[in-house]
Amino acid sequence: MSARNVLGTARRVLEQLRHDPRTVALVLLVPCVLMTLLRFVYEGRPQVFDAAGAPLLALFPLMTMFLVTSVALLRERTTGTLERLLTTPLGKLELLLGYGLAFAILATLQVTIAFSVSLGPLGLHVAASKLVLALLCVLIALLGMGLGLLASAFARTEFQVVQFFPATITPQLLLCGLLTPRQRMQGVLRTISDVLPMSYAVDAVHHLSRETRIGWELWGDLGVVAAFAIVAVALGAVTLRRRTE
């Protein structure tokens, strides 16, 4: 594996994104706008804002990275760019790491800006370490990248990619414990929620927002999210030659 190839791939992806300023603006600014809107919705109720804002702040990278990755990969599949890349000495692992590095940089920028606005002017309070919350956001972003990679393999148009979003992301939003505690769900729904990665991401955020110490439960949730991210990226790697053979 060559670090030069990885960095070259990441540079190429970032250059493509740089020439699409509207997408970059949406990725970087929309979370701040939504958090500001949420702050006004819960005006005068800071505790409610803290309880609702922290999970949403962590889930934005999943949704945005899913859309950006799936559309970017689909374009490279349909235009033949991916096929040409895979016929060069560039390996699949190098290609994936390059994409991961590029989107991790984008996710880090998104998280940094959203954190600065939310924890600063908007007054969002997190009891535990903010660095751990940032780490969680990066893991969630990688999970979104892996899911987007999978979606791009089964979609033929960008419109179909958008259709995968409600099919894969919306059920997790409903069952992850964001709207109602998972402990209060019916047995079947609770069982389904137990196998969804977003459930553990929300559980981890709840620990961070409510507890000052970092316990084993939090590290367990982080480990589960990391495992899901690795599996999603690995499954996405299997699909890289789906349309290139």
Protein backbone atom coordinates (compact mmCIF):
# COMPACT_ATOMS: atom_id res chain seq x y z
CA MET A 1 0.00 0.00 0.00
CA SER A 2 1.32 3.42 -0.99
CA ALA A 3 0.65 6.51 1.07
CA ARG A 4 1.25 8.54 -2.09
CA ASN A 5 -1.65 6.79 -3.85
CA VAL A 6 -3.93 7.32 -0.86
CA LEU A 7 -3.10 11.01 -0.64
CA GLY A 8 -3.44 11.38 -4.41
CA THR A 9 -6.92 9.86 -4.34
CA ALA A 10 -7.97 12.07 -1.43
CA ARG A 11 -6.62 15.14 -3.24
CA ARG A 12 -8.56 14.25 -6.39
CA VAL A 13 -11.83 13.80 -4.47
CA LEU A 14 -11.35 17.09 -2.63
CA GLU A 15 -10.61 18.87 -5.91
CA GLN A 16 -13.88 17.54 -7.32
CA LEU A 17 -15.73 18.80 -4.27
CA ARG A 18 -14.00 22.17 -4.52
CA HIS A 19 -15.51 22.62 -7.96
CA ASP A 20 -18.97 22.01 -6.48
CA PRO A 21 -19.27 24.91 -4.01
CA ARG A 22 -23.01 24.52 -3.56
CA THR A 23 -22.59 20.99 -2.22
CA VAL A 24 -19.77 22.06 0.08
CA ALA A 25 -21.84 24.99 1.34
CA LEU A 26 -24.80 22.72 2.03
CA VAL A 27 -22.64 20.21 3.89
CA LEU A 28 -20.91 22.84 6.02
CA LEU A 29 -23.68 25.37 6.60
CA VAL A 30 -26.95 23.42 6.75
CA PRO A 31 -26.14 21.77 10.14
CA CYS A 32 -25.50 25.23 11.62
CA VAL A 33 -28.77 26.55 10.22
CA LEU A 34 -30.72 23.55 11.53
CA MET A 35 -29.12 23.78 14.97
CA THR A 36 -29.95 27.49 15.08
CA LEU A 37 -33.54 26.73 14.12
CA LEU A 38 -33.72 24.09 16.84
CA ARG A 39 -32.38 26.60 19.34
CA PHE A 40 -35.21 29.01 18.53
CA VAL A 41 -37.77 26.19 18.69
CA TYR A 42 -36.67 25.47 22.28
CA GLU A 43 -36.20 29.12 23.24
CA GLY A 44 -36.24 29.42 27.02
CA ARG A 45 -35.82 25.65 27.48
CA PRO A 46 -32.04 25.06 27.40
CA GLN A 47 -32.26 21.58 28.94
CA VAL A 48 -34.59 20.40 26.18
CA PHE A 49 -32.28 21.94 23.59
CA ASP A 50 -29.31 20.10 25.11
CA ALA A 51 -31.20 16.79 25.08
CA ALA A 52 -32.32 17.13 21.45
CA GLY A 53 -29.39 19.06 20.00
CA ALA A 54 -26.51 16.77 20.93
CA PRO A 55 -27.91 13.66 19.15
CA LEU A 56 -28.80 15.69 16.05
CA LEU A 57 -25.34 17.24 16.02
CA ALA A 58 -23.85 13.73 15.92
CA LEU A 59 -26.25 12.42 13.27
CA PHE A 60 -25.68 15.17 10.70
CA PRO A 61 -22.39 13.59 9.50
CA LEU A 62 -24.15 10.26 8.84
CA MET A 63 -26.81 11.82 6.64
CA THR A 64 -24.55 14.19 4.74
CA MET A 65 -21.75 11.66 4.16
CA PHE A 66 -24.28 9.10 2.95
CA LEU A 67 -25.59 11.48 0.29
CA VAL A 68 -22.22 12.94 -0.73
CA THR A 69 -20.46 9.57 -0.91
CA SER A 70 -23.23 7.74 -2.74
CA VAL A 71 -23.61 10.46 -5.38
CA ALA A 72 -19.83 10.89 -5.82
CA LEU A 73 -19.24 7.14 -6.21
CA LEU A 74 -22.21 6.72 -8.52
CA ARG A 75 -20.81 9.40 -10.83
CA GLU A 76 -17.46 7.63 -10.92
CA ARG A 77 -19.13 4.30 -11.66
CA THR A 78 -21.37 5.62 -14.43
CA THR A 79 -18.69 7.75 -16.09
CA GLY A 80 -16.16 4.90 -16.14
CA THR A 81 -13.71 6.69 -13.85
CA LEU A 82 -13.81 3.90 -11.29
CA GLU A 83 -13.19 1.29 -13.98
CA ARG A 84 -10.14 3.15 -15.23
CA LEU A 85 -8.80 3.60 -11.70
CA LEU A 86 -9.12 -0.09 -10.93
CA THR A 87 -7.09 -1.01 -14.01
CA THR A 88 -4.14 1.02 -12.69
CA PRO A 89 -1.73 -0.11 -9.95
CA LEU A 90 -4.00 1.72 -7.48
CA GLY A 91 -5.38 -0.91 -5.13
CA LYS A 92 -8.92 -1.09 -3.78
CA LEU A 93 -7.68 -0.49 -0.23
CA GLU A 94 -5.75 2.58 -1.35
CA LEU A 95 -8.81 3.83 -3.20
CA LEU A 96 -11.04 3.33 -0.17
CA LEU A 97 -8.57 4.95 2.19
CA GLY A 98 -8.29 7.90 -0.16
CA TYR A 99 -12.05 8.34 -0.24
CA GLY A 100 -12.20 7.86 3.51
CA LEU A 101 -9.51 10.48 4.10
CA ALA A 102 -11.21 13.02 1.82
CA PHE A 103 -14.65 12.57 3.36
CA ALA A 104 -13.16 12.45 6.87
CA ILE A 105 -11.61 15.88 6.21
CA LEU A 106 -14.97 17.15 4.97
CA ALA A 107 -16.74 15.64 7.98
CA THR A 108 -14.15 17.16 10.34
CA LEU A 109 -14.77 20.60 8.83
CA GLN A 110 -18.50 20.08 9.19
CA VAL A 111 -18.17 18.96 12.80
CA THR A 112 -15.77 21.79 13.66
CA ILE A 113 -18.06 24.48 12.27
CA ALA A 114 -21.23 22.95 13.74
CA PHE A 115 -19.51 22.47 17.12
CA SER A 116 -18.23 26.05 17.17
CA VAL A 117 -21.69 27.44 16.50
CA SER A 118 -23.61 25.00 18.73
CA LEU A 119 -21.30 25.02 21.75
CA GLY A 120 -20.60 28.74 21.40
CA PRO A 121 -23.37 31.18 20.43
CA LEU A 122 -26.18 28.62 20.69
CA GLY A 123 -25.12 27.50 24.18
CA LEU A 124 -25.35 23.71 23.69
CA HIS A 125 -24.04 21.95 26.80
CA VAL A 126 -22.30 18.57 26.80
CA ALA A 127 -21.44 17.13 30.21
CA ALA A 128 -18.57 14.86 29.16
CA SER A 129 -15.60 15.34 26.85
CA LYS A 130 -16.26 17.31 23.68
CA LEU A 131 -13.33 15.54 22.02
CA VAL A 132 -15.04 12.17 22.50
CA LEU A 133 -18.19 13.59 20.92
CA ALA A 134 -16.09 14.78 17.98
CA LEU A 135 -14.57 11.29 17.68
CA LEU A 136 -18.05 9.82 17.67
CA CYS A 137 -19.07 12.19 14.86
CA VAL A 138 -16.09 11.08 12.76
CA LEU A 139 -17.00 7.41 13.30
CA ILE A 140 -20.58 8.15 12.31
CA ALA A 141 -19.33 9.95 9.21
CA LEU A 142 -17.31 6.87 8.22
CA LEU A 143 -20.42 4.77 8.76
CA GLY A 144 -22.33 7.09 6.45
CA MET A 145 -19.54 6.77 3.90
CA GLY A 146 -19.76 2.98 3.97
CA LEU A 147 -23.53 3.01 3.61
CA GLY A 148 -23.24 5.50 0.76
CA LEU A 149 -20.70 3.26 -0.94
CA LEU A 150 -23.16 0.39 -0.74
CA ALA A 151 -26.04 2.51 -2.03
CA SER A 152 -24.01 3.63 -5.04
CA ALA A 153 -23.53 0.00 -6.05
CA PHE A 154 -27.25 -0.65 -6.35
CA ALA A 155 -28.36 2.64 -7.86
CA ARG A 156 -28.26 3.52 -11.54
CA THR A 157 -29.15 7.20 -11.26
CA GLU A 158 -28.71 9.94 -8.69
CA PHE A 159 -32.47 9.96 -8.19
CA GLN A 160 -32.30 6.31 -7.13
CA VAL A 161 -29.57 7.21 -4.66
CA VAL A 162 -31.92 9.73 -3.06
CA GLN A 163 -34.57 7.01 -2.87
CA PHE A 164 -32.20 4.84 -0.82
CA PHE A 165 -31.99 7.56 1.83
CA PRO A 166 -35.51 7.12 3.28
CA ALA A 167 -35.17 3.35 2.92
CA THR A 168 -31.94 3.10 4.93
CA ILE A 169 -31.67 6.21 7.11
CA THR A 170 -35.25 7.16 8.04
CA PRO A 171 -36.10 3.85 9.80
CA GLN A 172 -33.01 4.30 11.93
CA LEU A 173 -34.06 7.84 12.86
CA LEU A 174 -37.41 6.51 14.03
CA LEU A 175 -36.03 3.58 16.03
CA CYS A 176 -32.71 4.88 17.38
CA GLY A 177 -34.19 6.41 20.53
CA LEU A 178 -34.11 9.97 19.24
CA LEU A 179 -37.90 10.42 19.39
CA THR A 180 -38.70 8.07 22.27
CA PRO A 181 -36.50 5.96 24.59
CA ARG A 182 -35.81 2.55 23.16
CA GLN A 183 -36.70 0.96 26.50
CA ARG A 184 -40.33 2.02 25.96
CA MET A 185 -40.64 0.48 22.50
CA GLN A 186 -42.55 -2.70 21.81
CA GLY A 187 -40.58 -5.93 21.82
CA VAL A 188 -40.22 -6.29 18.05
CA LEU A 189 -39.27 -2.65 17.55
CA ARG A 190 -36.75 -2.82 20.40
CA THR A 191 -35.18 -5.93 18.83
CA ILE A 192 -34.88 -4.18 15.47
CA SER A 193 -33.38 -1.10 17.09
CA ASP A 194 -30.76 -3.28 18.80
CA VAL A 195 -29.23 -4.17 15.41
CA LEU A 196 -29.22 -0.64 13.98
CA PRO A 197 -25.94 1.31 14.25
CA MET A 198 -27.65 4.65 14.79
CA SER A 199 -29.14 3.33 18.06
CA TYR A 200 -25.67 2.95 19.57
CA ALA A 201 -24.61 6.35 18.25
CA VAL A 202 -27.58 8.00 19.98
CA ASP A 203 -26.93 5.99 23.17
CA ALA A 204 -23.32 7.22 23.14
CA VAL A 205 -24.45 10.83 22.71
CA HIS A 206 -26.88 10.46 25.60
CA HIS A 207 -24.02 9.25 27.81
CA LEU A 208 -21.88 12.20 26.73
CA SER A 209 -24.60 14.77 27.29
CA ARG A 210 -25.72 13.48 30.70
CA GLU A 211 -22.64 11.98 32.40
CA THR A 212 -19.43 13.78 33.31
CA ARG A 213 -17.33 10.60 33.47
CA ILE A 214 -16.58 8.34 30.53
CA GLY A 215 -17.71 4.85 31.50
CA TRP A 216 -17.49 1.42 29.91
CA GLU A 217 -20.99 1.71 28.47
CA LEU A 218 -19.92 4.72 26.44
CA TRP A 219 -16.80 2.98 25.15
CA GLY A 220 -18.94 -0.05 24.30
CA ASP A 221 -21.29 2.11 22.22
CA LEU A 222 -18.31 3.74 20.49
CA GLY A 223 -16.88 0.29 19.75
CA VAL A 224 -20.15 -0.89 18.22
CA VAL A 225 -20.38 2.23 16.01
CA ALA A 226 -16.76 1.71 14.92
CA ALA A 227 -17.45 -1.95 14.14
CA PHE A 228 -20.49 -1.06 12.06
CA ALA A 229 -18.42 1.55 10.20
CA ILE A 230 -15.68 -0.99 9.42
CA VAL A 231 -18.21 -3.57 8.23
CA ALA A 232 -20.04 -1.01 6.07
CA VAL A 233 -16.80 0.12 4.42
CA ALA A 234 -15.70 -3.50 3.92
CA LEU A 235 -19.02 -4.43 2.30
CA GLY A 236 -18.76 -1.33 0.17
CA ALA A 237 -15.29 -2.43 -0.93
CA VAL A 238 -16.73 -5.70 -2.20
CA THR A 239 -19.01 -3.74 -4.55
CA LEU A 240 -16.21 -1.72 -6.12
CA ARG A 241 -15.94 -4.13 -9.04
CA ARG A 242 -19.67 -4.66 -9.30
CA ARG A 243 -19.88 -2.61 -12.51
CA THR A 244 -16.29 -2.69 -13.60
CA GLU A 245 -15.88 -6.33 -14.47
